[in-house]
């Protein structure tokens, strides 16, 4: 969050002119309108012009309305004195949104810090069965993870389902925490230029056959097998069951991160995949990550629907 003192002289002046100009412009408009009226009390005399049969009386503004305008002007000037609103002038109170946020964070740490510390001292396996801890973990998940994995953690295309017991890097508490702390980066290379369109089609049929799909061209799949062994087995294994150390998916279980249709598998082979799981070590801290780990781990303890 940048400091307002970093603003250029132009923008400092521009903000000051616009801010004060608006306030004094309202005051001038109120004064000139009041002065131009010929009567200080209500009258039946009109302004002398007519529009579509409608005439305007030459009556002054109601006093309550005028006082409301004046109060608004005074409020604006007082606000500019107390709070930042005139370029680099930070206001007499020294308030900024940044230090307000820091105070709220400090207050939250003082209030909830002991609770997080107490929970962080307990094993993940224990917290995964603690209803209170899981509610806290669920809120952390909703605020930080649900935008990609969904509020129910069932994922979406390109974002893993965390409830199906299928883990790219492993589903132990240590591996889940490692993922949250350091993040993950997909490393599926593009094979289109190496395999060619025919090779991409053949390998796609072979790969889909590993998961037991029925609409497979056996001839193309047979041609794709040696291509798979030469180019894909190093990560996914000769049997296509994946390798968690590399985050290489199991291709034989029917669970597809980007979709298992012929077209989607060909797209994956042709262009590769480069999904990124962000690291939370600098945003959540160790204690909250421990609690979030317990919540994610608890999802694997539930029966698959």
Protein backbone atom coordinates (compact mmCIF):
# COMPACT_ATOMS: atom_id res chain seq x y z
CA UNK A 1 0.00 0.00 0.00
CA UNK A 2 1.70 3.19 -1.19
CA UNK A 3 1.93 6.27 0.96
CA UNK A 4 0.20 9.45 -0.17
CA UNK A 5 3.50 11.31 0.19
CA UNK A 6 4.70 9.44 -2.92
CA UNK A 7 2.19 11.25 -5.11
CA UNK A 8 3.47 13.67 -7.72
CA UNK A 9 3.06 17.43 -7.29
CA UNK A 10 0.56 17.50 -10.15
CA UNK A 11 -1.82 14.99 -8.59
CA UNK A 12 -1.40 16.60 -5.18
CA UNK A 13 -2.49 19.94 -6.59
CA UNK A 14 -5.22 18.38 -8.70
CA UNK A 15 -6.82 16.63 -5.72
CA UNK A 16 -6.60 19.78 -3.60
CA UNK A 17 -8.18 21.98 -6.27
CA UNK A 18 -10.99 19.52 -6.98
CA UNK A 19 -11.72 18.91 -3.29
CA UNK A 20 -11.74 22.51 -2.11
CA UNK A 21 -13.27 23.70 -5.37
CA UNK A 22 -16.26 21.43 -4.84
CA UNK A 23 -16.85 22.70 -1.30
CA UNK A 24 -16.42 26.40 -2.07
CA UNK A 25 -18.33 25.97 -5.32
CA UNK A 26 -21.32 24.77 -3.31
CA UNK A 27 -20.96 27.75 -0.97
CA UNK A 28 -20.78 30.18 -3.90
CA UNK A 29 -23.80 28.58 -5.57
CA UNK A 30 -25.80 28.89 -2.36
CA UNK A 31 -24.77 32.53 -1.93
CA UNK A 32 -25.40 33.64 -5.51
CA UNK A 33 -28.77 31.88 -5.59
CA UNK A 34 -29.80 33.57 -2.38
CA UNK A 35 -28.61 36.98 -3.60
CA UNK A 36 -30.37 36.79 -6.97
CA UNK A 37 -33.77 36.28 -5.40
CA UNK A 38 -35.82 39.47 -5.03
CA UNK A 39 -37.91 38.25 -2.13
CA UNK A 40 -36.85 36.97 1.25
CA UNK A 41 -40.28 35.51 2.01
CA UNK A 42 -42.77 33.48 0.05
CA UNK A 43 -44.59 35.34 -2.71
CA UNK A 44 -47.01 34.71 -5.56
CA UNK A 45 -44.70 36.50 -8.00
CA UNK A 46 -43.04 34.28 -10.58
CA UNK A 47 -39.58 34.38 -12.14
CA UNK A 48 -41.11 35.59 -15.40
CA UNK A 49 -40.50 32.53 -17.55
CA UNK A 50 -42.67 29.60 -18.46
CA UNK A 51 -41.97 26.08 -19.67
CA UNK A 52 -44.72 23.84 -20.96
CA UNK A 53 -47.29 25.77 -18.97
CA UNK A 54 -45.27 25.61 -15.76
CA UNK A 55 -44.10 28.79 -14.01
CA UNK A 56 -41.52 29.10 -11.22
CA UNK A 57 -42.26 31.14 -8.12
CA UNK A 58 -39.59 33.61 -6.98
CA UNK A 59 -39.39 32.04 -3.52
CA UNK A 60 -36.23 31.59 -1.45
CA UNK A 61 -34.94 28.20 -0.40
CA UNK A 62 -36.57 26.88 2.76
CA UNK A 63 -34.38 27.76 5.73
CA UNK A 64 -33.99 24.13 6.82
CA UNK A 65 -32.71 23.32 3.32
CA UNK A 66 -30.24 26.21 3.35
CA UNK A 67 -29.00 25.24 6.82
CA UNK A 68 -28.52 21.68 5.59
CA UNK A 69 -26.31 22.98 2.76
CA UNK A 70 -24.31 25.09 5.21
CA UNK A 71 -23.89 22.15 7.59
CA UNK A 72 -22.64 20.00 4.70
CA UNK A 73 -20.07 22.63 3.73
CA UNK A 74 -18.83 22.99 7.31
CA UNK A 75 -18.68 19.20 7.67
CA UNK A 76 -16.60 18.95 4.49
CA UNK A 77 -14.07 21.54 5.65
CA UNK A 78 -13.76 19.93 9.10
CA UNK A 79 -13.32 16.53 7.46
CA UNK A 80 -10.48 17.83 5.28
CA UNK A 81 -8.78 19.21 8.39
CA UNK A 82 -9.05 15.98 10.37
CA UNK A 83 -8.56 13.33 7.66
CA UNK A 84 -6.41 13.00 4.50
CA UNK A 85 -8.14 14.53 1.53
CA UNK A 86 -6.00 17.46 0.38
CA UNK A 87 -3.05 16.02 -1.51
CA UNK A 88 -0.17 15.13 0.82
CA UNK A 89 -1.84 16.71 3.87
CA UNK A 90 -2.52 13.71 6.15
CA UNK A 91 -4.99 15.45 8.42
CA UNK A 92 -4.69 16.55 12.03
CA UNK A 93 -5.64 13.09 13.30
CA UNK A 94 -2.96 11.38 11.22
CA UNK A 95 -5.46 8.70 10.15
CA UNK A 96 -4.88 6.53 7.07
CA UNK A 97 -6.58 3.38 5.85
CA UNK A 98 -3.23 1.58 6.17
CA UNK A 99 -2.70 2.30 9.86
CA UNK A 100 -6.40 1.63 10.54
CA UNK A 101 -5.97 -1.81 8.98
CA UNK A 102 -2.79 -2.41 11.00
CA UNK A 103 -4.58 -1.52 14.23
CA UNK A 104 -7.41 -3.92 13.41
CA UNK A 105 -4.92 -6.68 12.62
CA UNK A 106 -3.10 -6.07 15.92
CA UNK A 107 -6.42 -6.15 17.79
CA UNK A 108 -7.36 -9.42 16.10
CA UNK A 109 -3.96 -10.93 16.94
CA UNK A 110 -4.33 -9.99 20.60
CA UNK A 111 -7.85 -11.38 20.71
CA UNK A 112 -7.38 -14.59 18.73
CA UNK A 113 -3.61 -15.15 18.96
CA UNK A 114 -3.74 -17.32 22.10
CA UNK A 115 -6.48 -19.47 20.56
CA UNK A 116 -4.52 -19.99 17.32
CA UNK A 117 -1.40 -20.80 19.34
CA UNK A 118 -3.30 -23.37 21.39
CA UNK A 119 -4.71 -25.06 18.29
CA UNK A 120 -1.34 -24.96 16.50
CA UNK A 121 0.17 -27.02 19.33
CA UNK A 122 -2.21 -29.90 18.60
CA UNK A 123 -1.64 -32.52 15.86
CA UNK A 124 -3.47 -32.05 12.57
CA UNK A 125 -5.11 -35.47 12.95
CA UNK A 126 -6.61 -34.31 16.27
CA UNK A 127 -7.85 -30.99 14.90
CA UNK A 128 -9.43 -32.77 11.92
CA UNK A 129 -11.97 -34.25 14.35
CA UNK A 130 -12.51 -31.11 16.43
CA UNK A 131 -15.75 -29.37 15.43
CA UNK A 132 -14.66 -25.94 16.69
CA UNK A 133 -11.30 -26.13 14.93
CA UNK A 134 -12.96 -27.27 11.69
CA UNK A 135 -15.35 -24.31 11.73
CA UNK A 136 -12.40 -21.95 12.03
CA UNK A 137 -10.56 -23.82 9.27
CA UNK A 138 -13.62 -23.67 7.05
CA UNK A 139 -13.72 -19.87 7.35
CA UNK A 140 -10.04 -19.70 6.41
CA UNK A 141 -10.76 -21.96 3.44
CA UNK A 142 -13.72 -19.81 2.34
CA UNK A 143 -11.63 -16.64 2.48
CA UNK A 144 -8.50 -17.98 0.79
CA UNK A 145 -9.22 -21.17 -1.18
CA UNK A 146 -12.88 -21.26 -2.20
CA UNK A 147 -12.39 -18.87 -5.13
CA UNK A 148 -10.56 -21.69 -6.96
CA UNK A 149 -11.64 -24.93 -5.27
CA UNK A 150 -15.24 -23.88 -4.62
CA UNK A 151 -17.04 -23.35 -1.31
CA UNK A 152 -17.61 -27.11 -1.02
CA UNK A 153 -13.98 -27.86 -2.04
CA UNK A 154 -15.18 -29.88 -5.04
CA UNK A 155 -12.95 -28.00 -7.45
CA UNK A 156 -13.54 -27.09 -11.06
CA UNK A 157 -11.81 -27.54 -14.39
CA UNK A 158 -8.12 -27.01 -13.65
CA UNK A 159 -8.68 -26.82 -9.87
CA UNK A 160 -8.48 -30.12 -7.93
CA UNK A 161 -11.42 -31.60 -6.09
CA UNK A 162 -10.24 -31.89 -2.48
CA UNK A 163 -12.98 -34.33 -1.46
CA UNK A 164 -12.35 -37.24 -3.85
CA UNK A 165 -9.28 -38.71 -2.09
CA UNK A 166 -7.18 -38.20 -5.23
CA UNK A 167 -4.06 -36.19 -4.37
CA UNK A 168 -1.51 -34.94 -6.90
CA UNK A 169 1.23 -34.46 -4.29
CA UNK A 170 -0.08 -36.66 -1.48
CA UNK A 171 -2.82 -36.26 1.09
CA UNK A 172 -0.92 -36.68 4.35
CA UNK A 173 -1.00 -33.72 6.78
CA UNK A 174 2.66 -32.96 6.06
CA UNK A 175 2.13 -32.91 2.29
CA UNK A 176 -0.99 -30.77 2.53
CA UNK A 177 0.84 -28.29 4.74
CA UNK A 178 3.79 -28.28 2.34
CA UNK A 179 1.40 -27.43 -0.50
CA UNK A 180 -0.17 -24.57 1.46
CA UNK A 181 3.15 -23.15 2.61
CA UNK A 182 5.09 -23.29 -0.66
CA UNK A 183 2.39 -23.52 -3.31
CA UNK A 184 2.58 -25.73 -6.40
CA UNK A 185 3.35 -25.15 -10.06
CA UNK A 186 2.24 -27.54 -12.80
CA UNK A 187 4.98 -28.74 -15.14
CA UNK A 188 3.09 -30.53 -17.91
CA UNK A 189 5.06 -29.71 -21.11
CA UNK A 190 3.49 -29.21 -24.52
CA UNK A 191 3.93 -32.26 -26.76
CA UNK A 192 2.22 -30.99 -29.89
CA UNK A 193 5.41 -30.13 -31.76
CA UNK A 194 7.09 -33.42 -30.80
CA UNK A 195 4.22 -35.86 -31.32
CA UNK A 196 2.50 -34.13 -34.21
CA UNK A 197 -1.27 -34.14 -34.62
CA UNK A 198 -1.43 -37.88 -35.36
CA UNK A 199 0.71 -38.67 -32.33
CA UNK A 200 -1.40 -36.43 -30.09
CA UNK A 201 -4.56 -38.21 -31.21
CA UNK A 202 -3.01 -41.66 -30.72
CA UNK A 203 -1.62 -40.95 -27.23
CA UNK A 204 -4.97 -39.42 -26.20
CA UNK A 205 -6.77 -42.64 -27.14
CA UNK A 206 -4.21 -44.70 -25.22
CA UNK A 207 -4.39 -42.49 -22.13
CA UNK A 208 -8.18 -42.53 -22.08
CA UNK A 209 -8.07 -46.29 -22.38
CA UNK A 210 -6.04 -46.50 -19.17
CA UNK A 211 -9.05 -45.23 -17.22
CA UNK A 212 -11.39 -47.75 -18.82
CA UNK A 213 -13.28 -45.43 -21.13
CA UNK A 214 -15.30 -47.30 -23.73
CA UNK A 215 -15.25 -45.10 -26.84
CA UNK A 216 -11.60 -45.81 -27.60
CA UNK A 217 -10.13 -46.59 -31.03
CA UNK A 218 -8.06 -49.68 -30.27
CA UNK A 219 -5.88 -49.24 -33.34
CA UNK A 220 -4.98 -45.65 -32.48
CA UNK A 221 -4.48 -46.59 -28.82
CA UNK A 222 -2.04 -49.33 -29.81
CA UNK A 223 -0.02 -46.83 -31.84
CA UNK A 224 -0.12 -44.38 -28.93
CA UNK A 225 1.28 -46.79 -26.33
CA UNK A 226 4.95 -46.67 -27.48
CA UNK A 227 4.69 -42.88 -27.80
CA UNK A 228 3.38 -42.73 -24.23
CA UNK A 229 6.20 -44.92 -22.95
CA UNK A 230 8.80 -42.81 -24.72
CA UNK A 231 7.50 -39.39 -23.71
CA UNK A 232 5.08 -39.63 -20.78
CA UNK A 233 6.06 -42.62 -18.65
CA UNK A 234 8.97 -40.78 -17.04
CA UNK A 235 6.46 -38.72 -15.03
CA UNK A 236 3.21 -40.69 -15.12
CA UNK A 237 4.81 -44.13 -14.85
CA UNK A 238 4.73 -47.01 -17.32
CA UNK A 239 1.28 -48.00 -16.07
CA UNK A 240 0.01 -44.38 -16.00
CA UNK A 241 -0.59 -44.40 -12.25
CA UNK A 242 1.26 -41.12 -11.74
CA UNK A 243 4.02 -39.98 -9.44
CA UNK A 244 3.14 -37.84 -6.40
CA UNK A 245 6.74 -36.71 -5.95
CA UNK A 246 6.35 -34.75 -9.21
CA UNK A 247 2.66 -34.00 -8.93
CA UNK A 248 2.03 -36.15 -12.04
CA UNK A 249 -1.62 -37.28 -12.04
CA UNK A 250 -2.81 -40.87 -12.00
CA UNK A 251 -4.24 -41.39 -15.49
CA UNK A 252 -5.90 -44.68 -14.69
CA UNK A 253 -8.45 -43.67 -12.06
CA UNK A 254 -10.95 -41.80 -14.22
CA UNK A 255 -10.39 -38.50 -12.39
CA UNK A 256 -9.47 -35.73 -14.82
CA UNK A 257 -8.31 -32.31 -13.70
CA UNK A 258 -8.98 -30.69 -17.09
CA UNK A 259 -11.56 -33.13 -18.44
CA UNK A 260 -11.25 -36.61 -19.90
CA UNK A 261 -12.94 -36.25 -23.27
CA UNK A 262 -10.91 -36.92 -26.41
CA UNK A 263 -10.81 -33.22 -27.22
CA UNK A 264 -9.71 -32.14 -23.75
CA UNK A 265 -6.98 -34.79 -23.48
CA UNK A 266 -5.68 -33.82 -26.90
CA UNK A 267 -5.65 -30.16 -25.83
CA UNK A 268 -3.63 -31.05 -22.72
CA UNK A 269 -1.12 -33.03 -24.77
CA UNK A 270 -0.87 -30.42 -27.47
CA UNK A 271 -0.42 -27.32 -25.33
CA UNK A 272 0.63 -28.61 -21.90
CA UNK A 273 -0.65 -27.31 -18.57
CA UNK A 274 0.81 -24.62 -16.33
CA UNK A 275 -1.55 -24.24 -13.39
CA UNK A 276 -0.27 -22.42 -10.30
CA UNK A 277 -1.23 -22.97 -6.67
CA UNK A 278 -0.17 -19.85 -4.70
CA UNK A 279 1.96 -20.05 -1.56
CA UNK A 280 0.31 -18.88 1.67
CA UNK A 281 3.34 -18.74 3.96
CA UNK A 282 3.53 -14.94 3.79
CA UNK A 283 -0.20 -14.22 3.92
CA UNK A 284 -1.62 -16.63 6.48
CA UNK A 285 1.25 -17.48 8.80
CA UNK A 286 2.18 -20.80 10.36
CA UNK A 287 -0.68 -21.09 12.88
CA UNK A 288 -3.48 -20.42 10.39
CA UNK A 289 -1.89 -22.74 7.83
CA UNK A 290 -1.84 -25.46 10.50
CA UNK A 291 -5.57 -24.96 11.07
CA UNK A 292 -6.30 -24.83 7.34
CA UNK A 293 -4.30 -28.04 6.87
CA UNK A 294 -6.53 -29.76 9.41
CA UNK A 295 -9.67 -28.65 7.58
CA UNK A 296 -8.43 -29.81 4.16
CA UNK A 297 -7.22 -33.08 5.67
CA UNK A 298 -10.64 -33.61 7.28
CA UNK A 299 -12.19 -33.62 3.81
CA UNK A 300 -10.27 -36.81 3.04
CA UNK A 301 -11.76 -38.48 6.11
CA UNK A 302 -15.27 -38.11 4.76
CA UNK A 303 -16.75 -40.86 2.58
CA UNK A 304 -16.77 -40.13 -1.14
CA UNK A 305 -20.28 -39.50 -2.43
